[in-house]
Structures are given as structure tokens and as C-alpha cells.
Amino acid sequence: MVLYNVLDKKTWPESDFTDQTTHVISGTIYINEALSSAQTLTGYTLKIRLLDIDGVLYKEDDCDIVTAASGTWRYKPADGDLSVRGLYSVNIQLTKTGEQLTAIGLNNSNILRITPS
């Protein structure tokens, strides 16, 4: 099964943010290429995986489900996270008993640019 991850915003200014609602990375996971049907996240745990342009894992961490029925998630970087400027592919790994899926991008829908603050 292929899942698609769509980010809400495409840039992250490298810095130390403490605002829990404004300065997050977030997105929606869909089950179809038309991006019209969200993946239900009920029962899953989520991990965010950032890969650099060479496909090397830069960061992996737990992320939160915002609304399970809508397929929405968010990740609040901690102080010192995401401190290397560049382009990253943001994939979301979904895990529950006996199942592991990865939501990837479609037409660069999961590309995040980390920029100077």
C-alpha cells in the first residue's frame, strides 16, 4: 500500500523555537494520488524521518497525531534539532501490531527546506 505525505509548509527556519503551535512541522497522509482520501491514523504510532538529498537519514523522531480520522500529524523540533540547512525528504512511518507503512511524497509534497533564521 502506498501512502502520500503532504507538508503544510515547505520551509523551516533553523532556530530555537518554543511556540508549540506556530513553529511545528505538520502534514496530512493520504491513501490516493488524488490526495482526496486521508489515511486514518487510529491505532498507529508515528515517526518522522528526514532524509537528505542523498537519501541518508538525518533525523528520526516520534511525532504526534493531530486528528486520526483526518490523517493529520505534527512534529515539534527540540532545541538544536534541524540545524543543518538544506533540502530534506520528510517521510512518516506508521506502525501498529503486525504492520509498518511509510508515507512518502508525491510531486515534492514532502520536501522541506531548512533555511537560515
PDB file of N, CA and C in Angstrom:
ATOM      1  N   MET A   1       0.846  -1.179   0.000  1.00  0.00           N
ATOM      2  CA  MET A   1       0.000   0.000   0.000  1.00  0.00           C
ATOM      3  C   MET A   1       0.892   1.242   0.000  1.00  0.00           C
ATOM      4  N   VAL A   2       0.634   2.158  -0.905  1.00  0.00           N
ATOM      5  CA  VAL A   2       1.397   3.405  -0.978  1.00  0.00           C
ATOM      6  C   VAL A   2       0.611   4.509  -0.290  1.00  0.00           C
ATOM      7  N   LEU A   3       1.284   5.224   0.593  1.00  0.00           N
ATOM      8  CA  LEU A   3       0.696   6.373   1.270  1.00  0.00           C
ATOM      9  C   LEU A   3       1.470   7.614   0.869  1.00  0.00           C
ATOM     10  N   TYR A   4       0.783   8.760   0.854  1.00  0.00           N
ATOM     11  CA  TYR A   4       1.394  10.016   0.424  1.00  0.00           C
ATOM     12  C   TYR A   4       1.355  11.041   1.548  1.00  0.00           C
ATOM     13  N   ASN A   5       2.489  11.682   1.776  1.00  0.00           N
ATOM     14  CA  ASN A   5       2.635  12.689   2.813  1.00  0.00           C
ATOM     15  C   ASN A   5       2.678  14.070   2.169  1.00  0.00           C
ATOM     16  N   VAL A   6       1.836  14.970   2.634  1.00  0.00           N
ATOM     17  CA  VAL A   6       1.806  16.344   2.132  1.00  0.00           C
ATOM     18  C   VAL A   6       2.072  17.285   3.300  1.00  0.00           C
ATOM     19  N   LEU A   7       3.152  18.069   3.201  1.00  0.00           N
ATOM     20  CA  LEU A   7       3.511  19.019   4.257  1.00  0.00           C
ATOM     21  C   LEU A   7       2.630  20.261   4.191  1.00  0.00           C
ATOM     22  N   ASP A   8       2.342  20.853   5.352  1.00  0.00           N
ATOM     23  CA  ASP A   8       1.572  22.095   5.411  1.00  0.00           C
ATOM     24  C   ASP A   8       2.407  23.303   5.020  1.00  0.00           C
ATOM     25  N   LYS A   9       3.702  23.283   5.328  1.00  0.00           N
ATOM     26  CA  LYS A   9       4.596  24.359   4.896  1.00  0.00           C
ATOM     27  C   LYS A   9       5.909  23.743   4.447  1.00  0.00           C
ATOM     28  N   LYS A  10       6.577  24.418   3.528  1.00  0.00           N
ATOM     29  CA  LYS A  10       7.738  23.852   2.851  1.00  0.00           C
ATOM     30  C   LYS A  10       9.080  24.351   3.370  1.00  0.00           C
ATOM     31  N   THR A  11       9.082  25.307   4.293  1.00  0.00           N
ATOM     32  CA  THR A  11      10.357  25.816   4.816  1.00  0.00           C
ATOM     33  C   THR A  11      10.339  25.796   6.344  1.00  0.00           C
ATOM     34  N   TRP A  12      11.532  25.619   6.898  1.00  0.00           N
ATOM     35  CA  TRP A  12      11.720  25.657   8.347  1.00  0.00           C
ATOM     36  C   TRP A  12      12.945  26.516   8.602  1.00  0.00           C
ATOM     37  N   PRO A  13      12.792  27.664   9.281  1.00  0.00           N
ATOM     38  CA  PRO A  13      13.969  28.481   9.591  1.00  0.00           C
ATOM     39  C   PRO A  13      14.727  27.869  10.769  1.00  0.00           C
ATOM     40  N   GLU A  14      15.998  27.533  10.546  1.00  0.00           N
ATOM     41  CA  GLU A  14      16.769  26.926  11.633  1.00  0.00           C
ATOM     42  C   GLU A  14      16.862  27.906  12.793  1.00  0.00           C
ATOM     43  N   SER A  15      16.453  27.490  13.951  1.00  0.00           N
ATOM     44  CA  SER A  15      16.476  28.350  15.127  1.00  0.00           C
ATOM     45  C   SER A  15      15.915  27.575  16.305  1.00  0.00           C
ATOM     46  N   ASP A  16      15.861  28.243  17.448  1.00  0.00           N
ATOM     47  CA  ASP A  16      15.281  27.642  18.640  1.00  0.00           C
ATOM     48  C   ASP A  16      13.899  28.248  18.836  1.00  0.00           C
ATOM     49  N   PHE A  17      12.863  27.481  18.566  1.00  0.00           N
ATOM     50  CA  PHE A  17      11.502  27.964  18.747  1.00  0.00           C
ATOM     51  C   PHE A  17      10.881  27.278  19.947  1.00  0.00           C
ATOM     52  N   THR A  18      10.077  28.030  20.680  1.00  0.00           N
ATOM     53  CA  THR A  18       9.396  27.447  21.824  1.00  0.00           C
ATOM     54  C   THR A  18       7.884  27.454  21.649  1.00  0.00           C
ATOM     55  N   ASP A  19       7.380  28.157  20.638  1.00  0.00           N
ATOM     56  CA  ASP A  19       5.940  28.220  20.392  1.00  0.00           C
ATOM     57  C   ASP A  19       5.449  26.855  19.931  1.00  0.00           C
ATOM     58  N   GLN A  20       4.590  26.236  20.717  1.00  0.00           N
ATOM     59  CA  GLN A  20       4.139  24.873  20.434  1.00  0.00           C
ATOM     60  C   GLN A  20       3.134  24.777  19.294  1.00  0.00           C
ATOM     61  N   THR A  21       2.522  25.871  18.889  1.00  0.00           N
ATOM     62  CA  THR A  21       1.507  25.779  17.840  1.00  0.00           C
ATOM     63  C   THR A  21       1.981  26.352  16.513  1.00  0.00           C
ATOM     64  N   THR A  22       2.746  27.429  16.534  1.00  0.00           N
ATOM     65  CA  THR A  22       3.180  28.065  15.289  1.00  0.00           C
ATOM     66  C   THR A  22       4.370  27.356  14.675  1.00  0.00           C
ATOM     67  N   HIS A  23       5.360  27.041  15.460  1.00  0.00           N
ATOM     68  CA  HIS A  23       6.615  26.507  14.939  1.00  0.00           C
ATOM     69  C   HIS A  23       6.668  24.991  15.043  1.00  0.00           C
ATOM     70  N   VAL A  24       5.867  24.365  14.208  1.00  0.00           N
ATOM     71  CA  VAL A  24       5.856  22.912  14.106  1.00  0.00           C
ATOM     72  C   VAL A  24       5.934  22.541  12.632  1.00  0.00           C
ATOM     73  N   ILE A  25       6.320  21.317  12.382  1.00  0.00           N
ATOM     74  CA  ILE A  25       6.232  20.758  11.041  1.00  0.00           C
ATOM     75  C   ILE A  25       5.010  19.861  11.069  1.00  0.00           C
ATOM     76  N   SER A  26       4.146  20.008  10.085  1.00  0.00           N
ATOM     77  CA  SER A  26       2.901  19.239  10.097  1.00  0.00           C
ATOM     78  C   SER A  26       2.491  18.854   8.692  1.00  0.00           C
ATOM     79  N   GLY A  27       1.563  17.925   8.625  1.00  0.00           N
ATOM     80  CA  GLY A  27       1.103  17.497   7.315  1.00  0.00           C
ATOM     81  C   GLY A  27      -0.074  16.544   7.418  1.00  0.00           C
ATOM     82  N   THR A  28      -0.428  16.003   6.247  1.00  0.00           N
ATOM     83  CA  THR A  28      -1.539  15.073   6.131  1.00  0.00           C
ATOM     84  C   THR A  28      -1.094  13.875   5.305  1.00  0.00           C
ATOM     85  N   ILE A  29      -1.562  12.707   5.688  1.00  0.00           N
ATOM     86  CA  ILE A  29      -1.245  11.477   4.976  1.00  0.00           C
ATOM     87  C   ILE A  29      -2.483  11.027   4.211  1.00  0.00           C
ATOM     88  N   TYR A  30      -2.285  10.753   2.918  1.00  0.00           N
ATOM     89  CA  TYR A  30      -3.378  10.354   2.031  1.00  0.00           C
ATOM     90  C   TYR A  30      -3.156   8.945   1.500  1.00  0.00           C
ATOM     91  N   ILE A  31      -4.255   8.298   1.101  1.00  0.00           N
ATOM     92  CA  ILE A  31      -4.171   6.939   0.573  1.00  0.00           C
ATOM     93  C   ILE A  31      -4.215   6.894  -0.955  1.00  0.00           C
ATOM     94  N   ASN A  32      -4.440   8.050  -1.603  1.00  0.00           N
ATOM     95  CA  ASN A  32      -4.540   8.041  -3.066  1.00  0.00           C
ATOM     96  C   ASN A  32      -3.771   9.215  -3.676  1.00  0.00           C
ATOM     97  N   GLU A  33      -3.392   9.048  -4.951  1.00  0.00           N
ATOM     98  CA  GLU A  33      -2.626  10.092  -5.648  1.00  0.00           C
ATOM     99  C   GLU A  33      -3.409  11.376  -5.842  1.00  0.00           C
ATOM    100  N   ALA A  34      -4.719  11.295  -5.861  1.00  0.00           N
ATOM    101  CA  ALA A  34      -5.543  12.497  -5.999  1.00  0.00           C
ATOM    102  C   ALA A  34      -5.533  13.325  -4.708  1.00  0.00           C
ATOM    103  N   LEU A  35      -4.989  12.761  -3.645  1.00  0.00           N
ATOM    104  CA  LEU A  35      -4.920  13.413  -2.328  1.00  0.00           C
ATOM    105  C   LEU A  35      -6.302  13.844  -1.856  1.00  0.00           C
ATOM    106  N   SER A  36      -7.272  12.964  -2.087  1.00  0.00           N
ATOM    107  CA  SER A  36      -8.644  13.271  -1.707  1.00  0.00           C
ATOM    108  C   SER A  36      -9.156  12.406  -0.553  1.00  0.00           C
ATOM    109  N   SER A  37      -8.422  11.344  -0.206  1.00  0.00           N
ATOM    110  CA  SER A  37      -8.834  10.468   0.890  1.00  0.00           C
ATOM    111  C   SER A  37      -7.694  10.311   1.887  1.00  0.00           C
ATOM    112  N   ALA A  38      -7.941  10.756   3.094  1.00  0.00           N
ATOM    113  CA  ALA A  38      -6.906  10.699   4.134  1.00  0.00           C
ATOM    114  C   ALA A  38      -6.790   9.299   4.709  1.00  0.00           C
ATOM    115  N   GLN A  39      -5.579   8.962   5.135  1.00  0.00           N
ATOM    116  CA  GLN A  39      -5.324   7.710   5.848  1.00  0.00           C
ATOM    117  C   GLN A  39      -5.774   7.885   7.296  1.00  0.00           C
ATOM    118  N   THR A  40      -6.598   6.985   7.791  1.00  0.00           N
ATOM    119  CA  THR A  40      -6.983   7.009   9.198  1.00  0.00           C
ATOM    120  C   THR A  40      -5.794   6.535  10.031  1.00  0.00           C
ATOM    121  N   LEU A  41      -5.433   7.303  11.033  1.00  0.00           N
ATOM    122  CA  LEU A  41      -4.246   7.015  11.837  1.00  0.00           C
ATOM    123  C   LEU A  41      -4.563   6.315  13.161  1.00  0.00           C
ATOM    124  N   THR A  42      -5.799   5.969  13.376  1.00  0.00           N
ATOM    125  CA  THR A  42      -6.201   5.307  14.616  1.00  0.00           C
ATOM    126  C   THR A  42      -5.416   4.007  14.799  1.00  0.00           C
ATOM    127  N   GLY A  43      -4.816   3.861  15.988  1.00  0.00           N
ATOM    128  CA  GLY A  43      -4.076   2.652  16.328  1.00  0.00           C
ATOM    129  C   GLY A  43      -2.614   2.660  15.914  1.00  0.00           C
ATOM    130  N   TYR A  44      -2.182   3.667  15.170  1.00  0.00           N
ATOM    131  CA  TYR A  44      -0.790   3.754  14.715  1.00  0.00           C
ATOM    132  C   TYR A  44       0.039   4.627  15.657  1.00  0.00           C
ATOM    133  N   THR A  45       1.328   4.358  15.704  1.00  0.00           N
ATOM    134  CA  THR A  45       2.291   5.302  16.258  1.00  0.00           C
ATOM    135  C   THR A  45       3.060   5.840  15.057  1.00  0.00           C
ATOM    136  N   LEU A  46       3.518   7.087  15.159  1.00  0.00           N
ATOM    137  CA  LEU A  46       4.158   7.748  14.025  1.00  0.00           C
ATOM    138  C   LEU A  46       5.588   8.146  14.350  1.00  0.00           C
ATOM    139  N   LYS A  47       6.439   8.040  13.354  1.00  0.00           N
ATOM    140  CA  LYS A  47       7.805   8.555  13.416  1.00  0.00           C
ATOM    141  C   LYS A  47       8.032   9.428  12.195  1.00  0.00           C
ATOM    142  N   ILE A  48       8.666  10.566  12.415  1.00  0.00           N
ATOM    143  CA  ILE A  48       9.078  11.409  11.308  1.00  0.00           C
ATOM    144  C   ILE A  48      10.498  10.997  10.929  1.00  0.00           C
ATOM    145  N   ARG A  49      10.750  10.897   9.642  1.00  0.00           N
ATOM    146  CA  ARG A  49      12.075  10.531   9.125  1.00  0.00           C
ATOM    147  C   ARG A  49      12.478  11.579   8.097  1.00  0.00           C
ATOM    148  N   LEU A  50      13.557  12.310   8.380  1.00  0.00           N
ATOM    149  CA  LEU A  50      14.082  13.289   7.446  1.00  0.00           C
ATOM    150  C   LEU A  50      15.320  12.708   6.776  1.00  0.00           C
ATOM    151  N   LEU A  51      15.287  12.680   5.452  1.00  0.00           N
ATOM    152  CA  LEU A  51      16.404  12.161   4.672  1.00  0.00           C
ATOM    153  C   LEU A  51      16.992  13.290   3.840  1.00  0.00           C
ATOM    154  N   ASP A  52      18.330  13.362   3.767  1.00  0.00           N
ATOM    155  CA  ASP A  52      18.954  14.401   2.964  1.00  0.00           C
ATOM    156  C   ASP A  52      18.826  14.055   1.483  1.00  0.00           C
ATOM    157  N   ILE A  53      19.359  14.919   0.611  1.00  0.00           N
ATOM    158  CA  ILE A  53      19.188  14.723  -0.830  1.00  0.00           C
ATOM    159  C   ILE A  53      19.858  13.456  -1.347  1.00  0.00           C
ATOM    160  N   ASP A  54      20.774  12.900  -0.571  1.00  0.00           N
ATOM    161  CA  ASP A  54      21.409  11.641  -0.957  1.00  0.00           C
ATOM    162  C   ASP A  54      20.671  10.429  -0.395  1.00  0.00           C
ATOM    163  N   GLY A  55      19.572  10.664   0.314  1.00  0.00           N
ATOM    164  CA  GLY A  55      18.797   9.571   0.886  1.00  0.00           C
ATOM    165  C   GLY A  55      19.321   9.069   2.221  1.00  0.00           C
ATOM    166  N   VAL A  56      20.259   9.816   2.811  1.00  0.00           N
ATOM    167  CA  VAL A  56      20.826   9.435   4.101  1.00  0.00           C
ATOM    168  C   VAL A  56      19.932   9.983   5.213  1.00  0.00           C
ATOM    169  N   LEU A  57      19.627   9.141   6.188  1.00  0.00           N
ATOM    170  CA  LEU A  57      18.780   9.547   7.295  1.00  0.00           C
ATOM    171  C   LEU A  57      19.477  10.624   8.120  1.00  0.00           C
ATOM    172  N   TYR A  58      18.845  11.794   8.231  1.00  0.00           N
ATOM    173  CA  TYR A  58      19.369  12.911   9.008  1.00  0.00           C
ATOM    174  C   TYR A  58      18.762  12.925  10.408  1.00  0.00           C
ATOM    175  N   LYS A  59      17.461  12.658  10.506  1.00  0.00           N
ATOM    176  CA  LYS A  59      16.766  12.757  11.790  1.00  0.00           C
ATOM    177  C   LYS A  59      15.590  11.793  11.795  1.00  0.00           C
ATOM    178  N   GLU A  60      15.406  11.122  12.919  1.00  0.00           N
ATOM    179  CA  GLU A  60      14.230  10.277  13.118  1.00  0.00           C
ATOM    180  C   GLU A  60      13.736  10.529  14.528  1.00  0.00           C
ATOM    181  N   ASP A  61      12.428  10.749  14.664  1.00  0.00           N
ATOM    182  CA  ASP A  61      11.878  11.062  15.977  1.00  0.00           C
ATOM    183  C   ASP A  61      10.384  10.744  15.967  1.00  0.00           C
ATOM    184  N   ASP A  62       9.824  10.585  17.151  1.00  0.00           N
ATOM    185  CA  ASP A  62       8.380  10.386  17.259  1.00  0.00           C
ATOM    186  C   ASP A  62       7.666  11.672  16.866  1.00  0.00           C
ATOM    187  N   CYS A  63       6.496  11.523  16.269  1.00  0.00           N
ATOM    188  CA  CYS A  63       5.661  12.689  16.017  1.00  0.00           C
ATOM    189  C   CYS A  63       4.239  12.377  16.467  1.00  0.00           C
ATOM    190  N   ASP A  64       3.426  13.412  16.548  1.00  0.00           N
ATOM    191  CA  ASP A  64       2.096  13.305  17.138  1.00  0.00           C
ATOM    192  C   ASP A  64       1.007  13.230  16.092  1.00  0.00           C
ATOM    193  N   ILE A  65      -0.038  12.507  16.406  1.00  0.00           N
ATOM    194  CA  ILE A  65      -1.248  12.516  15.600  1.00  0.00           C
ATOM    195  C   ILE A  65      -2.082  13.709  16.071  1.00  0.00           C
ATOM    196  N   VAL A  66      -2.519  14.539  15.129  1.00  0.00           N
ATOM    197  CA  VAL A  66      -3.374  15.680  15.469  1.00  0.00           C
ATOM    198  C   VAL A  66      -4.831  15.228  15.463  1.00  0.00           C
ATOM    199  N   THR A  67      -5.294  14.730  14.329  1.00  0.00           N
ATOM    200  CA  THR A  67      -6.647  14.190  14.196  1.00  0.00           C
ATOM    201  C   THR A  67      -6.554  12.893  13.414  1.00  0.00           C
ATOM    202  N   ALA A  68      -6.766  11.768  14.091  1.00  0.00           N
ATOM    203  CA  ALA A  68      -6.581  10.453  13.473  1.00  0.00           C
ATOM    204  C   ALA A  68      -7.452  10.258  12.237  1.00  0.00           C
ATOM    205  N   ALA A  69      -8.704  10.649  12.300  1.00  0.00           N
ATOM    206  CA  ALA A  69      -9.629  10.432  11.185  1.00  0.00           C
ATOM    207  C   ALA A  69      -9.264  11.254   9.951  1.00  0.00           C
ATOM    208  N   SER A  70      -8.562  12.376  10.159  1.00  0.00           N
ATOM    209  CA  SER A  70      -8.177  13.258   9.049  1.00  0.00           C
ATOM    210  C   SER A  70      -6.772  12.993   8.547  1.00  0.00           C
ATOM    211  N   GLY A  71      -6.054  12.068   9.175  1.00  0.00           N
ATOM    212  CA  GLY A  71      -4.704  11.738   8.735  1.00  0.00           C
ATOM    213  C   GLY A  71      -3.675  12.812   9.005  1.00  0.00           C
ATOM    214  N   THR A  72      -3.937  13.689   9.974  1.00  0.00           N
ATOM    215  CA  THR A  72      -3.027  14.804  10.226  1.00  0.00           C
ATOM    216  C   THR A  72      -2.056  14.504  11.365  1.00  0.00           C
ATOM    217  N   TRP A  73      -0.839  15.031  11.232  1.00  0.00           N
ATOM    218  CA  TRP A  73       0.234  14.801  12.191  1.00  0.00           C
ATOM    219  C   TRP A  73       0.998  16.103  12.397  1.00  0.00           C
ATOM    220  N   ARG A  74       1.842  16.137  13.447  1.00  0.00           N
ATOM    221  CA  ARG A  74       2.715  17.297  13.687  1.00  0.00           C
ATOM    222  C   ARG A  74       3.959  16.842  14.427  1.00  0.00           C
ATOM    223  N   TYR A  75       5.013  17.627  14.240  1.00  0.00           N
ATOM    224  CA  TYR A  75       6.290  17.369  14.909  1.00  0.00           C
ATOM    225  C   TYR A  75       6.841  18.693  15.393  1.00  0.00           C
ATOM    226  N   LYS A  76       7.169  18.760  16.672  1.00  0.00           N
ATOM    227  CA  LYS A  76       7.769  19.957  17.263  1.00  0.00           C
ATOM    228  C   LYS A  76       9.241  19.687  17.494  1.00  0.00           C
ATOM    229  N   PRO A  77      10.124  20.257  16.654  1.00  0.00           N
ATOM    230  CA  PRO A  77      11.558  20.062  16.878  1.00  0.00           C
ATOM    231  C   PRO A  77      11.993  20.625  18.227  1.00  0.00           C
ATOM    232  N   ALA A  78      12.929  19.951  18.845  1.00  0.00           N
ATOM    233  CA  ALA A  78      13.514  20.416  20.102  1.00  0.00           C
ATOM    234  C   ALA A  78      14.685  21.342  19.800  1.00  0.00           C
ATOM    235  N   ASP A  79      15.137  22.036  20.806  1.00  0.00           N
ATOM    236  CA  ASP A  79      16.290  22.928  20.678  1.00  0.00           C
ATOM    237  C   ASP A  79      17.472  22.148  20.098  1.00  0.00           C
ATOM    238  N   GLY A  80      18.037  22.647  19.017  1.00  0.00           N
ATOM    239  CA  GLY A  80      19.185  22.010  18.388  1.00  0.00           C
ATOM    240  C   GLY A  80      18.825  21.064  17.258  1.00  0.00           C
ATOM    241  N   ASP A  81      17.557  20.678  17.151  1.00  0.00           N
ATOM    242  CA  ASP A  81      17.127  19.828  16.039  1.00  0.00           C
ATOM    243  C   ASP A  81      17.090  20.652  14.751  1.00  0.00           C
ATOM    244  N   LEU A  82      17.212  19.995  13.654  1.00  0.00           N
ATOM    245  CA  LEU A  82      17.078  20.615  12.339  1.00  0.00           C
ATOM    246  C   LEU A  82      17.992  21.822  12.184  1.00  0.00           C
ATOM    247  N   SER A  83      19.257  21.624  12.474  1.00  0.00           N
ATOM    248  CA  SER A  83      20.201  22.729  12.445  1.00  0.00           C
ATOM    249  C   SER A  83      21.124  22.706  11.233  1.00  0.00           C
ATOM    250  N   VAL A  84      20.881  21.823  10.283  1.00  0.00           N
ATOM    251  CA  VAL A  84      21.709  21.759   9.085  1.00  0.00           C
ATOM    252  C   VAL A  84      20.860  22.186   7.894  1.00  0.00           C
ATOM    253  N   ARG A  85      21.249  23.307   7.281  1.00  0.00           N
ATOM    254  CA  ARG A  85      20.499  23.849   6.149  1.00  0.00           C
ATOM    255  C   ARG A  85      20.526  22.888   4.968  1.00  0.00           C
ATOM    256  N   GLY A  86      19.426  22.887   4.213  1.00  0.00           N
ATOM    257  CA  GLY A  86      19.366  22.061   3.027  1.00  0.00           C
ATOM    258  C   GLY A  86      17.958  21.598   2.731  1.00  0.00           C
ATOM    259  N   LEU A  87      17.850  20.707   1.743  1.00  0.00           N
ATOM    260  CA  LEU A  87      16.576  20.112   1.362  1.00  0.00           C
ATOM    261  C   LEU A  87      16.470  18.722   1.961  1.00  0.00           C
ATOM    262  N   TYR A  88      15.317  18.415   2.502  1.00  0.00           N
ATOM    263  CA  TYR A  88      15.099  17.120   3.134  1.00  0.00           C
ATOM    264  C   TYR A  88      13.770  16.530   2.679  1.00  0.00           C
ATOM    265  N   SER A  89      13.766  15.238   2.520  1.00  0.00           N
ATOM    266  CA  SER A  89      12.552  14.497   2.255  1.00  0.00           C
ATOM    267  C   SER A  89      11.978  14.096   3.614  1.00  0.00           C
ATOM    268  N   VAL A  90      10.704  14.430   3.850  1.00  0.00           N
ATOM    269  CA  VAL A  90      10.055  14.135   5.121  1.00  0.00           C
ATOM    270  C   VAL A  90       9.094  12.969   4.898  1.00  0.00           C
ATOM    271  N   ASN A  91       9.452  11.821   5.426  1.00  0.00           N
ATOM    272  CA  ASN A  91       8.599  10.638   5.344  1.00  0.00           C
ATOM    273  C   ASN A  91       8.050  10.346   6.731  1.00  0.00           C
ATOM    274  N   ILE A  92       6.843   9.813   6.771  1.00  0.00           N
ATOM    275  CA  ILE A  92       6.226   9.457   8.043  1.00  0.00           C
ATOM    276  C   ILE A  92       6.042   7.944   8.075  1.00  0.00           C
ATOM    277  N   GLN A  93       6.576   7.336   9.121  1.00  0.00           N
ATOM    278  CA  GLN A  93       6.469   5.894   9.301  1.00  0.00           C
ATOM    279  C   GLN A  93       5.308   5.612  10.258  1.00  0.00           C
ATOM    280  N   LEU A  94       4.378   4.773   9.829  1.00  0.00           N
ATOM    281  CA  LEU A  94       3.214   4.390  10.623  1.00  0.00           C
ATOM    282  C   LEU A  94       3.413   2.944  11.073  1.00  0.00           C
ATOM    283  N   THR A  95       3.253   2.703  12.364  1.00  0.00           N
ATOM    284  CA  THR A  95       3.455   1.362  12.900  1.00  0.00           C
ATOM    285  C   THR A  95       2.314   0.994  13.836  1.00  0.00           C
ATOM    286  N   LYS A  96       1.837  -0.222  13.676  1.00  0.00           N
ATOM    287  CA  LYS A  96       0.951  -0.834  14.663  1.00  0.00           C
ATOM    288  C   LYS A  96       1.207  -2.330  14.594  1.00  0.00           C
ATOM    289  N   THR A  97       0.670  -3.078  15.507  1.00  0.00           N
ATOM    290  CA  THR A  97       0.956  -4.504  15.605  1.00  0.00           C
ATOM    291  C   THR A  97       0.848  -5.192  14.249  1.00  0.00           C
ATOM    292  N   GLY A  98       1.964  -5.782  13.818  1.00  0.00           N
ATOM    293  CA  GLY A  98       1.985  -6.547  12.585  1.00  0.00           C
ATOM    294  C   GLY A  98       1.989  -5.737  11.310  1.00  0.00           C
ATOM    295  N   GLU A  99       2.134  -4.416  11.399  1.00  0.00           N
ATOM    296  CA  GLU A  99       2.071  -3.575  10.204  1.00  0.00           C
ATOM    297  C   GLU A  99       3.006  -2.379  10.331  1.00  0.00           C
ATOM    298  N   GLN A 100       3.723  -2.103   9.248  1.00  0.00           N
ATOM    299  CA  GLN A 100       4.555  -0.905   9.192  1.00  0.00           C
ATOM    300  C   GLN A 100       4.445  -0.325   7.784  1.00  0.00           C
ATOM    301  N   LEU A 101       4.041   0.944   7.702  1.00  0.00           N
ATOM    302  CA  LEU A 101       3.855   1.630   6.433  1.00  0.00           C
ATOM    303  C   LEU A 101       4.675   2.913   6.445  1.00  0.00           C
ATOM    304  N   THR A 102       5.010   3.404   5.257  1.00  0.00           N
ATOM    305  CA  THR A 102       5.716   4.676   5.155  1.00  0.00           C
ATOM    306  C   THR A 102       4.994   5.577   4.168  1.00  0.00           C
ATOM    307  N   ALA A 103       4.686   6.806   4.608  1.00  0.00           N
ATOM    308  CA  ALA A 103       4.076   7.815   3.743  1.00  0.00           C
ATOM    309  C   ALA A 103       5.202   8.620   3.105  1.00  0.00           C
ATOM    310  N   ILE A 104       5.220   8.635   1.781  1.00  0.00           N
ATOM    311  CA  ILE A 104       6.256   9.323   1.016  1.00  0.00           C
ATOM    312  C   ILE A 104       5.645  10.531   0.313  1.00  0.00           C
ATOM    313  N   GLY A 105       6.436  11.228  -0.463  1.00  0.00           N
ATOM    314  CA  GLY A 105       5.943  12.402  -1.159  1.00  0.00           C
ATOM    315  C   GLY A 105       5.391  12.083  -2.537  1.00  0.00           C
ATOM    316  N   LEU A 106       4.627  13.008  -3.058  1.00  0.00           N
ATOM    317  CA  LEU A 106       4.090  12.950  -4.407  1.00  0.00           C
ATOM    318  C   LEU A 106       4.310  14.324  -5.018  1.00  0.00           C
ATOM    319  N   ASN A 107       5.075  14.376  -6.112  1.00  0.00           N
ATOM    320  CA  ASN A 107       5.391  15.660  -6.743  1.00  0.00           C
ATOM    321  C   ASN A 107       5.989  16.659  -5.748  1.00  0.00           C
ATOM    322  N   ASN A 108       6.950  16.193  -4.970  1.00  0.00           N
ATOM    323  CA  ASN A 108       7.670  17.003  -3.987  1.00  0.00           C
ATOM    324  C   ASN A 108       6.795  17.492  -2.824  1.00  0.00           C
ATOM    325  N   SER A 109       5.693  16.810  -2.570  1.00  0.00           N
ATOM    326  CA  SER A 109       4.804  17.220  -1.488  1.00  0.00           C
ATOM    327  C   SER A 109       5.418  17.040  -0.103  1.00  0.00           C
ATOM    328  N   ASN A 110       6.540  16.309  -0.028  1.00  0.00           N
ATOM    329  CA  ASN A 110       7.159  16.057   1.271  1.00  0.00           C
ATOM    330  C   ASN A 110       8.557  16.658   1.375  1.00  0.00           C
ATOM    331  N   ILE A 111       8.886  17.624   0.531  1.00  0.00           N
ATOM    332  CA  ILE A 111      10.214  18.252   0.568  1.00  0.00           C
ATOM    333  C   ILE A 111      10.185  19.470   1.484  1.00  0.00           C
ATOM    334  N   LEU A 112      11.123  19.488   2.436  1.00  0.00           N
ATOM    335  CA  LEU A 112      11.255  20.574   3.401  1.00  0.00           C
ATOM    336  C   LEU A 112      12.612  21.236   3.214  1.00  0.00           C
ATOM    337  N   ARG A 113      12.607  22.563   3.138  1.00  0.00           N
ATOM    338  CA  ARG A 113      13.845  23.332   3.042  1.00  0.00           C
ATOM    339  C   ARG A 113      14.128  23.963   4.402  1.00  0.00           C
ATOM    340  N   ILE A 114      15.285  23.627   4.970  1.00  0.00           N
ATOM    341  CA  ILE A 114      15.725  24.253   6.210  1.00  0.00           C
ATOM    342  C   ILE A 114      16.602  25.428   5.820  1.00  0.00           C
ATOM    343  N   THR A 115      16.216  26.622   6.237  1.00  0.00           N
ATOM    344  CA  THR A 115      16.866  27.861   5.819  1.00  0.00           C
ATOM    345  C   THR A 115      17.498  28.579   7.014  1.00  0.00           C
ATOM    346  N   PRO A 116      18.390  29.549   6.748  1.00  0.00           N
ATOM    347  CA  PRO A 116      18.930  30.353   7.854  1.00  0.00           C
ATOM    348  C   PRO A 116      17.817  31.112   8.559  1.00  0.00           C
ATOM    349  N   SER A 117      17.947  31.277   9.853  1.00  0.00           N
ATOM    350  CA  SER A 117      16.904  32.011  10.586  1.00  0.00           C
ATOM    351  C   SER A 117      17.117  33.504  10.479  1.00  0.00           C
TER     352      SER A 117
END
